[in-house]
Amino acid sequence: MESNCFVSIADCSKDDILHLIRKAEGFEKNPNQKLLEGKVCATLFFEPSTRTRLSFETAVSRLSGRVIGFSDAATTSSSKGETLKDTIKMVGNYADVIIMRHYLEGAARYASEITNIPIVNAGDGANQHPSQTLLDMYSIYKTQKTIDNLTITMVGDLKYGRTVHSLLTGMSHFNPTYCFVAPEELRLPDLYKRFLDKKGIQYQEHTDFSPEVINQSDILYMTRVQRERFTDLIEYEKVKNVYVLTNSMLNGSKDNLRILHPLPRVNEIAQDVDDNPKAYYFEQAKNGVFARQAIITTVLNL
């Protein structure tokens, strides 16, 4: 990585990603270590989060570090008008690393430019979610025994979904083939299509979530239509339940298919899918602890 921060998966080379995956694999075998003993990790969550915050805090705790911070910006001085710059400068005096989620795109990059301690981006608006990308890629590697030359189908909110945008970037080193399934209103932005074209990565776009699409996939990456990203709630109501995966839809799918979802799910994966061995989203969430242990120890040069 270019610096001791983890702001965007685009900052990581292919070797960086493979190194982090191998590190995550090591932490899965031995998650409880004393590598962060004496270290203070600040979790600044200006936007709601359950899985991301808890898995980062679990990652730190299992490595014997301490956590300070907040999970609700309304309880902090930012609610009194304190600027992000002042908050970061202040917390930088107390902690060895700052793990930050913010509703503004580019907030993590900005934070990395105004403090000398490492910044880990836990999601910035609709922009990037690089730690989710690493746990997604680790999950793909674990379930497929490879990360190269896979067919990955992404379903749902491809316009606002930062997990989708980050995963496209991270996987671009490994020659994937993509299938994008989205309503017209939530299609993948042209910016990302141009990125894929430049990299020579093959992709198809569909509005129909058909058996043919499912049956060609190695990875089925389902996403929630995120109400909080919509300014027009009529548009949200129109598309929120457009794709629902049910167990019977998997009947013709490949044996190696695994279903991923960054969670939380709403209605897009039916409950009857949970007992299918191809469902992997809860194990995927567990992998977040090991991936985030790899990220934190890397930015701290441990």
Protein backbone atom coordinates (compact mmCIF):
# COMPACT_ATOMS: atom_id res chain seq x y z
CA MET A 1 0.00 0.00 0.00
CA GLU A 2 1.14 3.53 -0.78
CA SER A 3 0.94 4.70 2.84
CA ASN A 4 0.18 3.32 6.27
CA CYS A 5 -3.53 4.04 5.69
CA PHE A 6 -6.25 1.79 4.27
CA VAL A 7 -8.55 4.26 2.52
CA SER A 8 -9.38 2.66 -0.82
CA ILE A 9 -8.88 -0.80 -2.27
CA ALA A 10 -7.53 1.06 -5.33
CA ASP A 11 -4.45 1.91 -3.24
CA CYS A 12 -3.64 -1.81 -2.97
CA SER A 13 -1.61 -3.69 -5.55
CA LYS A 14 -2.31 -7.31 -6.43
CA ASP A 15 0.54 -8.34 -4.12
CA ASP A 16 -0.89 -6.18 -1.30
CA ILE A 17 -4.26 -7.92 -1.60
CA LEU A 18 -2.74 -11.41 -1.68
CA HIS A 19 -0.59 -10.53 1.34
CA LEU A 20 -3.69 -9.37 3.28
CA ILE A 21 -5.61 -12.52 2.31
CA ARG A 22 -2.75 -14.72 3.53
CA LYS A 23 -2.62 -12.69 6.75
CA ALA A 24 -6.37 -13.12 7.26
CA GLU A 25 -5.93 -16.86 6.77
CA GLY A 26 -3.29 -16.86 9.52
CA PHE A 27 -5.57 -14.95 11.90
CA GLU A 28 -8.40 -17.38 11.26
CA LYS A 29 -6.13 -20.20 12.45
CA ASN A 30 -4.97 -18.17 15.45
CA PRO A 31 -7.27 -15.18 16.14
CA ASN A 32 -6.26 -14.56 19.77
CA GLN A 33 -2.85 -12.92 19.97
CA LYS A 34 -1.22 -10.07 21.87
CA LEU A 35 -0.10 -8.06 18.82
CA LEU A 36 -2.08 -4.94 19.83
CA GLU A 37 -1.18 -5.01 23.52
CA GLY A 38 -0.67 -1.40 24.64
CA LYS A 39 -2.34 -0.03 21.46
CA VAL A 40 -5.44 2.17 21.44
CA CYS A 41 -7.76 1.96 18.41
CA ALA A 42 -10.40 4.67 17.90
CA THR A 43 -13.65 3.73 16.13
CA LEU A 44 -15.38 6.87 14.85
CA PHE A 45 -18.74 5.94 13.32
CA PHE A 46 -20.50 9.04 12.00
CA GLU A 47 -22.97 6.73 10.21
CA PRO A 48 -24.86 3.75 11.72
CA SER A 49 -23.22 0.34 11.56
CA THR A 50 -23.56 -2.96 13.36
CA ARG A 51 -21.46 -5.63 11.65
CA THR A 52 -18.59 -3.40 10.56
CA ARG A 53 -18.16 -1.71 13.95
CA LEU A 54 -18.56 -4.88 16.00
CA SER A 55 -16.20 -6.89 13.82
CA PHE A 56 -13.52 -4.16 13.95
CA GLU A 57 -13.89 -4.00 17.73
CA THR A 58 -13.76 -7.80 17.97
CA ALA A 59 -10.64 -7.82 15.78
CA VAL A 60 -8.93 -5.34 18.13
CA SER A 61 -10.08 -7.12 21.29
CA ARG A 62 -8.86 -10.53 20.11
CA LEU A 63 -5.44 -8.98 19.50
CA SER A 64 -5.40 -7.50 23.05
CA GLY A 65 -5.86 -3.87 21.96
CA ARG A 66 -8.19 -1.28 23.48
CA VAL A 67 -11.07 0.48 21.74
CA ILE A 68 -12.25 4.05 22.26
CA GLY A 69 -14.73 5.96 20.15
CA PHE A 70 -18.42 6.35 19.39
CA SER A 71 -21.15 4.63 17.40
CA ASP A 72 -23.49 7.62 17.18
CA ALA A 73 -22.23 11.02 16.05
CA ALA A 74 -25.24 12.67 17.75
CA THR A 75 -23.52 12.05 21.09
CA THR A 76 -20.28 13.79 20.04
CA SER A 77 -19.07 17.35 19.63
CA SER A 78 -19.75 17.12 15.89
CA SER A 79 -23.41 17.61 16.87
CA LYS A 80 -22.30 20.96 18.35
CA GLY A 81 -20.70 21.95 15.05
CA GLU A 82 -17.16 20.63 15.49
CA THR A 83 -15.51 20.08 12.12
CA LEU A 84 -14.28 16.70 10.94
CA LYS A 85 -10.77 18.15 10.86
CA ASP A 86 -10.90 19.12 14.54
CA THR A 87 -12.37 15.74 15.55
CA ILE A 88 -9.65 13.84 13.70
CA LYS A 89 -6.87 16.07 15.07
CA MET A 90 -8.20 15.64 18.61
CA VAL A 91 -8.67 11.85 18.45
CA GLY A 92 -5.25 11.53 16.79
CA ASN A 93 -3.77 12.67 20.10
CA TYR A 94 -5.27 9.69 21.90
CA ALA A 95 -5.14 6.71 19.55
CA ASP A 96 -2.64 4.68 17.50
CA VAL A 97 -5.10 4.11 14.64
CA ILE A 98 -8.46 5.63 13.64
CA ILE A 99 -11.15 3.40 12.11
CA MET A 100 -13.75 5.70 10.58
CA ARG A 101 -17.13 5.45 8.88
CA HIS A 102 -18.56 8.66 7.46
CA TYR A 103 -21.54 9.63 5.33
CA LEU A 104 -19.47 11.90 3.04
CA GLU A 105 -17.59 10.48 0.08
CA GLY A 106 -13.88 11.23 0.40
CA ALA A 107 -14.00 11.77 4.17
CA ALA A 108 -11.50 8.99 4.90
CA ARG A 109 -9.03 10.31 2.31
CA TYR A 110 -9.35 13.78 3.82
CA ALA A 111 -8.76 12.40 7.32
CA SER A 112 -5.61 10.59 6.13
CA GLU A 113 -4.20 13.92 4.91
CA ILE A 114 -4.62 15.78 8.20
CA THR A 115 -3.23 13.30 10.73
CA ASN A 116 -0.04 11.30 11.05
CA ILE A 117 -1.67 8.19 12.49
CA PRO A 118 -3.13 5.46 10.26
CA ILE A 119 -6.70 5.84 9.00
CA VAL A 120 -8.79 2.78 8.15
CA ASN A 121 -11.84 3.52 6.01
CA ALA A 122 -14.90 1.67 7.35
CA GLY A 123 -17.09 3.15 4.59
CA ASP A 124 -17.47 6.66 3.17
CA GLY A 125 -20.86 7.44 1.65
CA ALA A 126 -21.54 5.60 -1.61
CA ASN A 127 -17.82 5.66 -2.42
CA GLN A 128 -15.69 2.85 -0.91
CA HIS A 129 -15.89 0.10 1.69
CA PRO A 130 -12.42 -1.45 1.40
CA SER A 131 -12.46 -3.63 4.53
CA GLN A 132 -15.71 -5.21 3.30
CA THR A 133 -13.95 -5.83 -0.02
CA LEU A 134 -11.10 -7.64 1.68
CA LEU A 135 -13.45 -9.90 3.64
CA ASP A 136 -15.45 -10.50 0.44
CA MET A 137 -12.29 -11.47 -1.43
CA TYR A 138 -11.14 -13.67 1.44
CA SER A 139 -14.57 -15.36 1.39
CA ILE A 140 -14.29 -15.90 -2.37
CA TYR A 141 -10.80 -17.34 -1.96
CA LYS A 142 -11.91 -19.67 0.86
CA THR A 143 -14.97 -21.02 -0.95
CA GLN A 144 -13.52 -21.31 -4.47
CA LYS A 145 -9.92 -22.27 -3.52
CA THR A 146 -8.84 -19.58 -5.98
CA ILE A 147 -9.55 -15.95 -6.70
CA ASP A 148 -8.72 -16.03 -10.43
CA ASN A 149 -10.96 -16.37 -13.50
CA LEU A 150 -14.31 -16.54 -11.69
CA THR A 151 -17.80 -15.55 -12.89
CA ILE A 152 -19.28 -13.14 -10.38
CA THR A 153 -22.92 -12.05 -10.58
CA MET A 154 -23.87 -8.87 -8.73
CA VAL A 155 -27.56 -8.26 -8.06
CA GLY A 156 -29.55 -5.26 -6.87
CA ASP A 157 -28.23 -1.81 -6.06
CA LEU A 158 -25.23 -1.38 -8.34
CA LYS A 159 -25.57 2.42 -8.49
CA TYR A 160 -25.18 3.35 -4.82
CA GLY A 161 -23.66 0.13 -3.46
CA ARG A 162 -20.19 0.97 -2.20
CA THR A 163 -19.48 -2.72 -1.51
CA VAL A 164 -20.05 -3.41 -5.22
CA HIS A 165 -17.84 -0.52 -6.33
CA SER A 166 -15.01 -1.59 -4.02
CA LEU A 167 -15.24 -5.27 -5.00
CA LEU A 168 -15.06 -4.41 -8.72
CA THR A 169 -11.84 -2.55 -8.02
CA GLY A 170 -10.25 -5.22 -5.82
CA MET A 171 -11.11 -8.12 -8.13
CA SER A 172 -9.83 -6.29 -11.22
CA HIS A 173 -6.37 -7.88 -10.68
CA PHE A 174 -7.78 -11.43 -10.98
CA ASN A 175 -9.48 -11.61 -14.40
CA PRO A 176 -13.14 -12.00 -13.34
CA THR A 177 -16.16 -12.13 -15.64
CA TYR A 178 -19.08 -10.10 -14.34
CA CYS A 179 -22.82 -10.35 -14.74
CA PHE A 180 -24.69 -7.27 -13.50
CA VAL A 181 -28.40 -7.59 -12.65
CA ALA A 182 -30.12 -4.32 -11.78
CA PRO A 183 -33.18 -2.25 -12.67
CA GLU A 184 -32.52 0.68 -15.00
CA GLU A 185 -32.63 3.09 -12.04
CA LEU A 186 -29.84 1.24 -10.20
CA ARG A 187 -27.50 0.22 -13.03
CA LEU A 188 -23.76 0.29 -12.52
CA PRO A 189 -22.50 3.85 -13.12
CA ASP A 190 -20.63 4.50 -16.38
CA LEU A 191 -17.50 5.41 -14.40
CA TYR A 192 -17.12 1.78 -13.30
CA LYS A 193 -17.95 0.41 -16.74
CA ARG A 194 -15.20 2.54 -18.22
CA PHE A 195 -12.85 1.19 -15.55
CA LEU A 196 -13.72 -2.41 -16.53
CA ASP A 197 -13.36 -1.61 -20.24
CA LYS A 198 -9.93 -0.11 -19.62
CA LYS A 199 -8.87 -3.25 -17.73
CA GLY A 200 -10.24 -5.54 -20.47
CA ILE A 201 -12.68 -7.20 -18.04
CA GLN A 202 -15.73 -8.88 -19.60
CA TYR A 203 -19.22 -8.08 -18.32
CA GLN A 204 -22.89 -8.42 -19.23
CA GLU A 205 -25.81 -6.32 -18.02
CA HIS A 206 -29.32 -7.66 -17.38
CA THR A 207 -32.55 -6.42 -15.86
CA ASP A 208 -33.94 -9.98 -15.53
CA PHE A 209 -32.70 -12.20 -12.68
CA SER A 210 -32.97 -15.37 -14.76
CA PRO A 211 -31.98 -19.02 -14.18
CA GLU A 212 -29.41 -18.67 -16.98
CA VAL A 213 -27.68 -15.88 -15.06
CA ILE A 214 -27.68 -17.82 -11.77
CA ASN A 215 -26.54 -21.10 -13.34
CA GLN A 216 -23.40 -19.64 -14.91
CA SER A 217 -22.20 -18.04 -11.67
CA ASP A 218 -19.43 -19.05 -9.28
CA ILE A 219 -20.32 -16.24 -6.87
CA LEU A 220 -23.75 -14.66 -6.47
CA TYR A 221 -23.32 -11.31 -4.73
CA MET A 222 -26.70 -10.06 -3.50
CA THR A 223 -27.18 -6.49 -2.28
CA ARG A 224 -29.80 -4.57 -0.38
CA VAL A 225 -31.49 -1.61 -2.05
CA GLN A 226 -30.36 1.08 0.40
CA ARG A 227 -33.15 3.43 1.36
CA GLU A 228 -30.69 5.85 2.96
CA ARG A 229 -29.02 6.52 -0.43
CA PHE A 230 -32.25 7.70 -2.08
CA THR A 231 -33.38 11.30 -2.14
CA ASP A 232 -36.61 10.27 -3.91
CA LEU A 233 -38.54 7.74 -1.79
CA ILE A 234 -40.99 7.06 -4.65
CA GLU A 235 -38.01 5.79 -6.68
CA TYR A 236 -36.97 3.63 -3.70
CA GLU A 237 -40.45 2.09 -3.29
CA LYS A 238 -40.46 1.22 -7.00
CA VAL A 239 -37.24 -0.83 -6.89
CA LYS A 240 -36.83 -2.07 -3.29
CA ASN A 241 -38.20 -5.61 -3.81
CA VAL A 242 -37.45 -6.12 -7.48
CA TYR A 243 -35.10 -9.12 -7.01
CA VAL A 244 -35.68 -11.81 -4.40
CA LEU A 245 -33.54 -14.98 -4.33
CA THR A 246 -35.46 -18.09 -3.23
CA ASN A 247 -34.13 -21.58 -2.60
CA SER A 248 -35.85 -23.10 -5.66
CA MET A 249 -33.98 -20.66 -7.92
CA LEU A 250 -30.72 -22.45 -7.01
CA ASN A 251 -31.81 -25.87 -8.32
CA GLY A 252 -29.72 -25.69 -11.50
CA SER A 253 -26.77 -23.79 -10.07
CA LYS A 254 -23.15 -24.96 -10.04
CA ASP A 255 -21.96 -27.07 -7.10
CA ASN A 256 -19.30 -24.51 -6.24
CA LEU A 257 -21.71 -21.55 -6.25
CA ARG A 258 -21.67 -19.52 -3.05
CA ILE A 259 -24.07 -16.72 -2.17
CA LEU A 260 -22.54 -13.62 -0.59
CA HIS A 261 -24.26 -10.56 0.87
CA PRO A 262 -22.61 -7.66 2.74
CA LEU A 263 -25.64 -7.61 5.12
CA PRO A 264 -27.98 -6.47 6.50
CA ARG A 265 -30.48 -8.14 4.22
CA VAL A 266 -34.05 -6.98 4.00
CA ASN A 267 -36.14 -9.05 1.55
CA GLU A 268 -33.65 -9.84 -1.21
CA ILE A 269 -32.72 -13.32 0.10
CA ALA A 270 -35.64 -15.45 1.28
CA GLN A 271 -35.27 -17.21 4.63
CA ASP A 272 -35.48 -20.61 2.93
CA VAL A 273 -32.08 -20.00 1.33
CA ASP A 274 -30.36 -19.93 4.74
CA ASP A 275 -30.24 -23.72 5.11
CA ASN A 276 -28.81 -24.27 1.62
CA PRO A 277 -25.09 -25.17 1.79
CA LYS A 278 -24.49 -22.60 -0.96
CA ALA A 279 -25.53 -19.78 1.42
CA TYR A 280 -22.34 -18.24 2.79
CA TYR A 281 -23.30 -14.76 4.02
CA PHE A 282 -23.13 -15.50 7.77
CA GLU A 283 -19.70 -17.17 7.42
CA GLN A 284 -18.73 -14.19 5.25
CA ALA A 285 -19.56 -11.84 8.14
CA LYS A 286 -17.42 -13.97 10.47
CA ASN A 287 -14.52 -13.66 8.02
CA GLY A 288 -14.70 -9.90 8.61
CA VAL A 289 -12.93 -10.29 11.96
CA PHE A 290 -9.90 -12.00 10.37
CA ALA A 291 -9.76 -9.62 7.41
CA ARG A 292 -9.90 -6.61 9.73
CA GLN A 293 -7.20 -8.08 11.97
CA ALA A 294 -5.03 -8.29 8.85
CA ILE A 295 -5.78 -4.66 7.92
CA ILE A 296 -5.16 -3.17 11.39
CA THR A 297 -1.88 -5.01 11.95
CA THR A 298 -0.69 -4.07 8.44
CA VAL A 299 -1.30 -0.31 8.84
CA LEU A 300 0.50 -0.49 12.21
CA ASN A 301 3.42 -2.39 10.62
CA LEU A 302 2.92 -5.39 12.95
